[in-house]
């Protein structure tokens, strides 16, 4: 009798667990989306450098040169706050002496990487180009970026499209398997990412790089034609499902 009762309870429990499993059946789908955007922002990137045999004088010359560039910007109606210098370094330069057959000191070099970030339609871009070209003995690059406003708009659009894609796929699967979608049980989302060769920050940013030499004569606005940046993201969504 006890054995029969135990068997009956076991059958009831197994039925309860099966019922729970059936009630919690889920379908999990990955929704994907892709958006192409032409970047609105650009930056001039140049390495300001000076060299001198004396360490202290080299350091002072670098700071003075940076100050002169800022004054030129102000004089030409350009906001000096556009100039960003994130680092400053001084190093001893070595050269090979064939008579001594070894490397010897060749003075010191100070470097200040400078970034000037503006909008592509900024009216002073040509003047910035001219000032850098004529006052800094260095090649420099142009980088194109998505603006903060573009980033926000792209993220919203990517998420909306990815959710729609996931739901559409889930509805097709539910129809084919003769089940019905219930409420959403779980959502997993990762940040949007860029597709392309310049995904160097694992996020969205650089679209193209244009090396510019000091001998260049064209206005910078005549060569500003960045490629589209293709952004993509994915969202994983789980729904409860039940039999029709």
Protein backbone atom coordinates (compact mmCIF):
# COMPACT_ATOMS: atom_id res chain seq x y z
CA UNK A 1 0.00 0.00 0.00
CA UNK A 2 2.81 2.43 0.90
CA UNK A 3 4.59 1.56 -2.33
CA UNK A 4 1.41 2.26 -4.33
CA UNK A 5 0.89 5.59 -2.56
CA UNK A 6 4.49 6.59 -3.19
CA UNK A 7 4.16 5.72 -6.88
CA UNK A 8 0.93 7.79 -7.13
CA UNK A 9 2.65 10.84 -5.54
CA UNK A 10 5.62 10.46 -7.90
CA UNK A 11 3.28 10.43 -10.91
CA UNK A 12 1.53 13.56 -9.64
CA UNK A 13 4.86 15.36 -9.12
CA UNK A 14 6.14 14.40 -12.56
CA UNK A 15 2.91 15.70 -14.08
CA UNK A 16 3.28 18.99 -12.15
CA UNK A 17 6.89 19.42 -13.36
CA UNK A 18 5.87 18.62 -16.94
CA UNK A 19 3.06 21.15 -16.69
CA UNK A 20 5.48 23.77 -15.45
CA UNK A 21 7.89 23.00 -18.30
CA UNK A 22 5.14 23.24 -20.90
CA UNK A 23 3.86 26.51 -19.44
CA UNK A 24 7.33 28.03 -19.49
CA UNK A 25 8.24 26.96 -23.05
CA UNK A 26 10.07 29.75 -24.80
CA UNK A 27 11.31 30.82 -28.18
CA UNK A 28 14.50 32.89 -28.36
CA UNK A 29 15.32 34.90 -31.46
CA UNK A 30 18.14 37.26 -32.44
CA UNK A 31 17.01 40.42 -34.22
CA UNK A 32 19.54 42.28 -36.35
CA UNK A 33 19.65 45.75 -37.89
CA UNK A 34 21.95 47.89 -40.02
CA UNK A 35 21.99 51.64 -40.77
CA UNK A 36 24.26 53.72 -43.01
CA UNK A 37 25.14 57.30 -42.01
CA UNK A 38 27.34 60.05 -43.47
CA UNK A 39 29.38 61.59 -40.59
CA UNK A 40 28.86 65.25 -39.74
CA UNK A 41 31.98 65.87 -37.64
CA UNK A 42 35.61 66.05 -38.68
CA UNK A 43 38.90 66.55 -36.93
CA UNK A 44 42.30 67.83 -38.01
CA UNK A 45 45.00 65.72 -36.35
CA UNK A 46 48.55 67.06 -36.35
CA UNK A 47 51.66 66.34 -34.30
CA UNK A 48 53.24 69.61 -33.10
CA UNK A 49 56.95 68.94 -32.59
CA UNK A 50 60.15 70.91 -31.92
CA UNK A 51 63.76 69.88 -31.53
CA UNK A 52 66.70 71.43 -29.66
CA UNK A 53 70.01 70.37 -28.14
CA UNK A 54 68.98 71.70 -24.72
CA UNK A 55 66.25 69.86 -22.79
CA UNK A 56 64.81 72.92 -21.01
CA UNK A 57 64.83 75.06 -24.14
CA UNK A 58 63.14 72.27 -26.11
CA UNK A 59 60.34 72.07 -23.54
CA UNK A 60 59.84 75.82 -23.56
CA UNK A 61 59.81 75.99 -27.36
CA UNK A 62 57.02 73.40 -27.56
CA UNK A 63 54.81 75.30 -25.12
CA UNK A 64 55.54 78.57 -26.91
CA UNK A 65 54.68 77.06 -30.28
CA UNK A 66 51.37 75.76 -28.94
CA UNK A 67 50.60 79.21 -27.56
CA UNK A 68 51.37 80.83 -30.92
CA UNK A 69 48.98 78.48 -32.72
CA UNK A 70 46.22 79.38 -30.27
CA UNK A 71 46.86 83.09 -30.83
CA UNK A 72 46.65 82.58 -34.60
CA UNK A 73 43.30 80.86 -34.16
CA UNK A 74 41.91 83.70 -32.05
CA UNK A 75 43.27 86.31 -34.46
CA UNK A 76 41.43 84.60 -37.32
CA UNK A 77 38.12 84.30 -35.49
CA UNK A 78 38.46 80.60 -34.63
CA UNK A 79 37.50 79.36 -31.18
CA UNK A 80 40.73 78.32 -29.41
CA UNK A 81 38.73 75.77 -27.38
CA UNK A 82 38.52 73.68 -30.56
CA UNK A 83 42.19 72.80 -30.04
CA UNK A 84 42.69 69.77 -27.83
CA UNK A 85 46.11 68.53 -26.72
CA UNK A 86 45.82 65.31 -24.74
CA UNK A 87 49.49 64.57 -24.20
CA UNK A 88 52.95 66.15 -24.08
CA UNK A 89 56.23 64.29 -24.30
CA UNK A 90 59.96 64.99 -24.54
CA UNK A 91 62.50 62.38 -25.55
CA UNK A 92 66.19 62.22 -26.23
CA UNK A 93 66.97 61.66 -29.91
CA UNK A 94 69.70 59.19 -30.85
CA UNK A 95 71.75 59.01 -34.02
CA UNK A 96 74.39 56.59 -35.19
CA UNK A 97 77.99 57.85 -35.23
CA UNK A 98 79.95 55.89 -37.86
CA UNK A 99 83.31 56.89 -36.31
CA UNK A 100 82.38 55.74 -32.83
CA UNK A 101 80.28 52.90 -34.26
CA UNK A 102 77.55 53.51 -31.74
CA UNK A 103 74.48 55.63 -31.10
CA UNK A 104 75.04 59.06 -29.59
CA UNK A 105 72.75 61.84 -28.38
CA UNK A 106 71.34 64.16 -31.03
CA UNK A 107 69.42 66.53 -28.78
CA UNK A 108 65.81 66.43 -27.61
CA UNK A 109 62.42 66.38 -29.32
CA UNK A 110 59.15 67.55 -27.78
CA UNK A 111 55.82 66.34 -29.19
CA UNK A 112 52.28 67.63 -28.60
CA UNK A 113 49.61 65.75 -30.61
CA UNK A 114 46.89 68.30 -31.40
CA UNK A 115 43.30 67.59 -32.45
CA UNK A 116 40.94 70.25 -33.82
CA UNK A 117 37.39 68.91 -34.03
CA UNK A 118 34.68 70.78 -35.94
CA UNK A 119 31.56 70.23 -38.05
CA UNK A 120 31.98 69.46 -41.75
CA UNK A 121 30.06 72.64 -42.61
CA UNK A 122 32.02 74.86 -40.20
CA UNK A 123 32.80 78.07 -42.13
CA UNK A 124 36.34 78.32 -40.75
CA UNK A 125 37.53 74.87 -41.86
CA UNK A 126 39.42 76.32 -44.83
CA UNK A 127 41.14 78.83 -42.54
CA UNK A 128 42.11 76.07 -40.08
CA UNK A 129 43.54 74.10 -42.99
CA UNK A 130 45.53 77.14 -44.12
CA UNK A 131 46.89 77.95 -40.65
CA UNK A 132 48.07 74.39 -40.04
CA UNK A 133 49.57 74.05 -43.50
CA UNK A 134 51.46 77.34 -43.31
CA UNK A 135 52.56 77.32 -39.65
CA UNK A 136 53.28 73.71 -38.74
CA UNK A 137 56.04 71.81 -40.51
CA UNK A 138 54.21 68.52 -40.37
CA UNK A 139 51.81 66.40 -42.37
CA UNK A 140 48.40 65.95 -40.84
CA UNK A 141 45.24 63.87 -41.20
CA UNK A 142 41.52 64.50 -41.45
CA UNK A 143 39.24 62.08 -39.59
CA UNK A 144 35.47 61.92 -39.98
CA UNK A 145 33.16 61.10 -37.05
CA UNK A 146 29.51 60.73 -36.17
CA UNK A 147 28.29 63.65 -34.08
CA UNK A 148 26.72 63.03 -30.67
CA UNK A 149 23.29 63.80 -32.15
CA UNK A 150 23.88 61.29 -34.95
CA UNK A 151 24.99 58.67 -32.45
CA UNK A 152 21.78 59.03 -30.42
CA UNK A 153 19.57 58.93 -33.52
CA UNK A 154 21.40 55.90 -34.94
CA UNK A 155 21.17 53.94 -31.69
CA UNK A 156 17.43 54.56 -31.43
CA UNK A 157 16.85 53.51 -35.04
CA UNK A 158 19.05 50.42 -34.76
CA UNK A 159 17.27 49.23 -31.61
CA UNK A 160 13.81 49.79 -33.12
CA UNK A 161 14.68 47.90 -36.30
CA UNK A 162 16.38 45.05 -34.40
CA UNK A 163 13.33 44.53 -32.15
CA UNK A 164 11.02 44.52 -35.19
CA UNK A 165 13.30 41.99 -36.89
CA UNK A 166 13.29 39.72 -33.85
CA UNK A 167 9.48 39.83 -33.53
CA UNK A 168 8.97 39.14 -37.23
CA UNK A 169 11.27 36.11 -37.09
CA UNK A 170 9.56 34.87 -33.92
CA UNK A 171 6.11 35.20 -35.53
CA UNK A 172 7.23 33.23 -38.58
CA UNK A 173 8.66 30.46 -36.38
CA UNK A 174 5.54 30.39 -34.22
CA UNK A 175 3.31 30.11 -37.29
CA UNK A 176 5.43 27.32 -38.78
CA UNK A 177 5.46 25.38 -35.49
CA UNK A 178 1.73 25.98 -34.84
CA UNK A 179 2.33 27.85 -31.61
CA UNK A 180 1.39 31.32 -30.36
CA UNK A 181 3.66 34.04 -28.95
CA UNK A 182 3.01 35.13 -25.38
CA UNK A 183 4.65 37.84 -23.31
CA UNK A 184 8.34 38.72 -23.56
CA UNK A 185 10.43 36.90 -20.96
CA UNK A 186 13.92 38.24 -21.59
CA UNK A 187 15.86 40.79 -23.68
CA UNK A 188 19.62 40.89 -24.18
CA UNK A 189 21.23 43.88 -25.90
CA UNK A 190 24.77 44.92 -26.80
CA UNK A 191 26.01 48.33 -27.96
CA UNK A 192 25.86 49.12 -31.71
CA UNK A 193 29.08 48.55 -33.59
CA UNK A 194 30.60 49.73 -36.83
CA UNK A 195 31.22 47.61 -39.89
CA UNK A 196 34.40 48.56 -41.74
CA UNK A 197 38.17 48.79 -41.73
CA UNK A 198 38.40 51.55 -39.12
CA UNK A 199 36.73 49.84 -36.15
CA UNK A 200 39.71 50.78 -33.99
CA UNK A 201 37.76 51.71 -30.85
CA UNK A 202 35.27 48.85 -31.10
CA UNK A 203 32.61 51.53 -31.53
CA UNK A 204 31.33 53.55 -34.38
CA UNK A 205 33.77 56.34 -34.81
CA UNK A 206 36.28 56.82 -37.58
CA UNK A 207 34.92 56.77 -41.12
CA UNK A 208 37.89 57.75 -43.24
CA UNK A 209 41.37 59.20 -42.93
CA UNK A 210 42.73 61.70 -45.43
CA UNK A 211 46.49 62.46 -45.31
CA UNK A 212 47.18 66.10 -46.22
CA UNK A 213 50.62 67.46 -47.13
CA UNK A 214 51.92 70.98 -46.61
CA UNK A 215 52.04 71.45 -50.39
CA UNK A 216 48.30 70.90 -50.79
CA UNK A 217 46.58 73.94 -52.30
CA UNK A 218 42.89 72.99 -52.64
CA UNK A 219 40.36 74.31 -50.17
CA UNK A 220 39.55 71.72 -47.57
CA UNK A 221 35.81 72.04 -48.19
CA UNK A 222 36.39 70.88 -51.77
CA UNK A 223 37.72 67.49 -50.67
CA UNK A 224 35.32 66.74 -47.81
CA UNK A 225 33.34 63.78 -49.09
CA UNK A 226 33.47 61.05 -46.43
CA UNK A 227 32.12 57.57 -47.04
CA UNK A 228 29.04 56.34 -45.24
CA UNK A 229 29.58 54.55 -41.95
CA UNK A 230 27.59 51.34 -41.69
CA UNK A 231 26.36 50.64 -38.16
CA UNK A 232 24.83 47.42 -36.93
CA UNK A 233 23.48 45.93 -33.73
CA UNK A 234 21.62 42.85 -32.53
CA UNK A 235 19.06 42.15 -29.81
CA UNK A 236 18.15 38.72 -28.45
CA UNK A 237 14.50 38.43 -27.33
CA UNK A 238 12.70 35.50 -25.67
CA UNK A 239 8.92 34.99 -25.73
CA UNK A 240 6.66 32.51 -23.98
CA UNK A 241 4.95 30.21 -26.47
CA UNK A 242 1.90 28.02 -26.22
CA UNK A 243 0.17 25.58 -28.54
CA UNK A 244 -2.67 26.93 -30.68
